[in-house]
Amino acid sequence: MKIIKGSAGMSVISGQSAPDFSLPDESGHLHNLADYRGNFVILYFYPKDNTAGCSKEAQQFAEFHAAITACGGKIIGISRDSQSSHEKFKTKFSLPFTLLSDIDSTVCNLYEVIKEKNMYGKKTMGIERSTFIIDQEGIIRDIYRKVKVDRHAAQIVESLKKISSSQ
């Protein structure tokens, strides 16, 4: 079951309310974005469990989990992988945060992260690695597109500290 609120075709930009949604985690529990109000949400979209870049990104978010939590943040990863794939991925890397399954790409499309990719001359549609920082009131404060994995989690901590100090 997936509940999506927001206007289709509406661009997702900083300063706007983050589109609300409901997605299952690796255990099948539904998570609604609205349930996280009062916290910063680090909503990161990644292409695929157990691939080199995605594993490295998840491990870096795990490494910076305490620093992000200290800033009032909650990390949520989203990909189009199944709940069972997420469960194995989370266990393999001892990830201390939630992974949500968006099998039909509804939320990925809502956040405009599905892009054309060119791999070895073959064009496919896939998730462009992207991160959204959503504040305690549900407003998008920062958007990172075409994320490079190295130092990204540290960059998120720096951004959270800046946002917190400006409030």
Protein backbone atom coordinates (compact mmCIF):
# COMPACT_ATOMS: atom_id res chain seq x y z
CA MET A 1 0.00 0.00 0.00
CA LYS A 2 1.34 3.38 -0.97
CA ILE A 3 -0.21 6.74 -0.28
CA ILE A 4 1.15 9.66 -2.23
CA LYS A 5 0.27 13.26 -1.61
CA GLY A 6 1.51 15.96 -3.92
CA SER A 7 0.90 17.20 -7.41
CA ALA A 8 2.16 15.10 -10.27
CA GLY A 9 4.48 17.02 -12.53
CA MET A 10 5.24 19.60 -9.86
CA SER A 11 8.96 20.28 -9.55
CA VAL A 12 10.56 19.40 -6.24
CA ILE A 13 12.59 22.42 -5.10
CA SER A 14 14.14 23.78 -1.91
CA GLY A 15 11.76 25.83 0.18
CA GLN A 16 8.68 23.76 -0.73
CA SER A 17 6.84 21.22 1.36
CA ALA A 18 8.26 17.77 0.78
CA PRO A 19 5.79 15.46 -0.96
CA ASP A 20 4.34 13.09 1.63
CA PHE A 21 4.27 9.35 1.05
CA SER A 22 3.92 5.99 2.73
CA LEU A 23 6.28 3.12 1.89
CA PRO A 24 7.14 -0.22 3.52
CA ASP A 25 10.49 -0.78 5.18
CA GLU A 26 12.58 -3.95 5.05
CA SER A 27 10.27 -5.55 7.65
CA GLY A 28 7.01 -4.53 5.98
CA HIS A 29 6.16 -1.68 8.38
CA LEU A 30 4.75 1.40 6.66
CA HIS A 31 6.58 4.68 7.12
CA ASN A 32 4.87 7.98 6.41
CA LEU A 33 7.07 11.00 5.84
CA ALA A 34 4.68 13.07 7.98
CA ASP A 35 5.43 10.80 10.96
CA TYR A 36 8.95 12.23 11.04
CA ARG A 37 7.85 15.83 11.67
CA GLY A 38 9.91 17.37 14.45
CA ASN A 39 13.09 15.82 13.05
CA PHE A 40 15.31 16.56 10.11
CA VAL A 41 14.93 13.82 7.51
CA ILE A 42 17.84 12.80 5.32
CA LEU A 43 15.96 11.18 2.44
CA TYR A 44 18.43 9.54 0.12
CA PHE A 45 17.61 7.71 -3.09
CA TYR A 46 20.05 5.12 -4.38
CA PRO A 47 20.04 2.80 -7.42
CA LYS A 48 20.47 -0.73 -6.06
CA ASP A 49 21.25 -2.75 -2.95
CA ASN A 50 24.61 -4.55 -2.84
CA THR A 51 26.27 -2.66 -5.67
CA ALA A 52 29.68 -1.07 -5.08
CA GLY A 53 28.61 2.60 -5.00
CA CYS A 54 25.39 2.01 -3.07
CA SER A 55 27.12 -0.19 -0.50
CA LYS A 56 29.80 2.47 0.01
CA GLU A 57 27.19 5.21 0.34
CA ALA A 58 25.18 3.20 2.89
CA GLN A 59 28.32 2.45 4.91
CA GLN A 60 29.23 6.14 4.96
CA PHE A 61 25.74 7.07 6.18
CA ALA A 62 26.15 4.37 8.85
CA GLU A 63 29.52 5.85 9.83
CA PHE A 64 27.98 9.33 10.19
CA HIS A 65 24.73 8.08 11.74
CA ALA A 66 25.62 9.30 15.25
CA ALA A 67 26.60 12.77 13.97
CA ILE A 68 23.39 13.05 11.94
CA THR A 69 21.31 11.87 14.90
CA ALA A 70 23.08 14.42 17.13
CA CYS A 71 21.85 17.13 14.72
CA GLY A 72 18.27 15.85 15.09
CA GLY A 73 18.33 13.91 11.83
CA LYS A 74 16.78 10.63 10.76
CA ILE A 75 18.22 8.81 7.74
CA ILE A 76 15.89 7.08 5.29
CA GLY A 77 17.17 5.29 2.20
CA ILE A 78 14.87 4.57 -0.75
CA SER A 79 15.43 2.34 -3.77
CA ARG A 80 13.31 0.19 -6.04
CA ASP A 81 14.60 -3.01 -4.45
CA SER A 82 12.29 -5.43 -2.66
CA GLN A 83 11.78 -5.55 1.08
CA SER A 84 13.73 -8.84 1.28
CA SER A 85 16.63 -7.32 -0.66
CA HIS A 86 16.64 -4.38 1.76
CA GLU A 87 16.56 -6.73 4.74
CA LYS A 88 19.64 -8.62 3.48
CA PHE A 89 21.45 -5.38 2.59
CA LYS A 90 20.71 -3.85 5.98
CA THR A 91 21.88 -6.99 7.81
CA LYS A 92 25.02 -7.42 5.70
CA PHE A 93 26.26 -3.90 6.50
CA SER A 94 24.63 -3.49 9.98
CA LEU A 95 22.85 -0.36 8.78
CA PRO A 96 21.31 1.59 11.70
CA PHE A 97 18.68 3.36 9.61
CA THR A 98 15.51 2.62 7.66
CA LEU A 99 15.40 1.42 4.05
CA LEU A 100 12.14 1.83 2.15
CA SER A 101 11.01 -0.18 -0.85
CA ASP A 102 9.58 1.75 -3.81
CA ILE A 103 9.18 -1.15 -6.24
CA ASP A 104 6.87 0.68 -8.66
CA SER A 105 8.93 3.93 -8.57
CA THR A 106 5.99 6.07 -7.41
CA VAL A 107 7.97 8.00 -4.79
CA CYS A 108 11.07 8.06 -7.00
CA ASN A 109 8.99 9.73 -9.69
CA LEU A 110 7.42 12.10 -7.16
CA TYR A 111 10.91 13.28 -6.13
CA GLU A 112 12.07 13.32 -9.77
CA VAL A 113 15.01 10.96 -9.30
CA ILE A 114 14.28 8.61 -12.21
CA LYS A 115 16.56 9.66 -15.04
CA GLU A 116 17.85 8.25 -18.29
CA LYS A 117 21.21 6.54 -17.80
CA ASN A 118 23.70 5.41 -20.40
CA MET A 119 25.66 2.32 -19.44
CA TYR A 120 28.02 0.84 -22.01
CA GLY A 121 25.99 2.44 -24.79
CA LYS A 122 22.67 1.05 -23.50
CA LYS A 123 20.10 3.61 -22.35
CA THR A 124 17.94 2.71 -19.36
CA MET A 125 15.82 4.54 -16.83
CA GLY A 126 17.15 4.37 -13.29
CA ILE A 127 17.56 6.21 -10.02
CA GLU A 128 19.91 9.16 -10.07
CA ARG A 129 21.66 9.14 -6.69
CA SER A 130 19.98 12.06 -4.85
CA THR A 131 19.57 13.31 -1.27
CA PHE A 132 16.96 15.66 0.18
CA ILE A 133 17.28 17.33 3.58
CA ILE A 134 13.80 17.96 4.95
CA ASP A 135 13.39 20.13 8.06
CA GLN A 136 11.25 19.60 11.15
CA GLU A 137 8.21 21.23 9.50
CA GLY A 138 8.45 19.10 6.35
CA ILE A 139 10.10 21.74 4.16
CA ILE A 140 12.85 20.74 1.73
CA ARG A 141 15.95 22.66 2.80
CA ASP A 142 18.66 21.16 0.56
CA ILE A 143 18.71 18.98 -2.53
CA TYR A 144 21.74 17.07 -3.78
CA ARG A 145 21.47 15.55 -7.26
CA LYS A 146 24.01 13.41 -9.11
CA VAL A 147 25.60 12.65 -5.74
CA LYS A 148 29.21 11.53 -5.67
CA VAL A 149 29.54 9.02 -2.84
CA ASP A 150 32.88 10.17 -1.43
CA ARG A 151 32.40 12.60 1.47
CA HIS A 152 28.65 12.90 0.83
CA ALA A 153 27.60 11.81 4.34
CA ALA A 154 30.08 14.30 5.85
CA GLN A 155 28.65 16.98 3.54
CA ILE A 156 25.16 16.21 4.88
CA VAL A 157 26.35 16.67 8.49
CA GLU A 158 27.89 20.03 7.56
CA SER A 159 24.65 21.09 5.86
CA LEU A 160 22.55 20.03 8.88
CA LYS A 161 24.77 22.07 11.19
CA LYS A 162 24.39 25.14 8.95
CA ILE A 163 20.62 24.76 8.74
CA SER A 164 20.33 24.25 12.51
CA SER A 165 22.42 27.32 13.29
CA SER A 166 20.33 29.50 10.94
CA GLN A 167 17.03 28.62 12.62
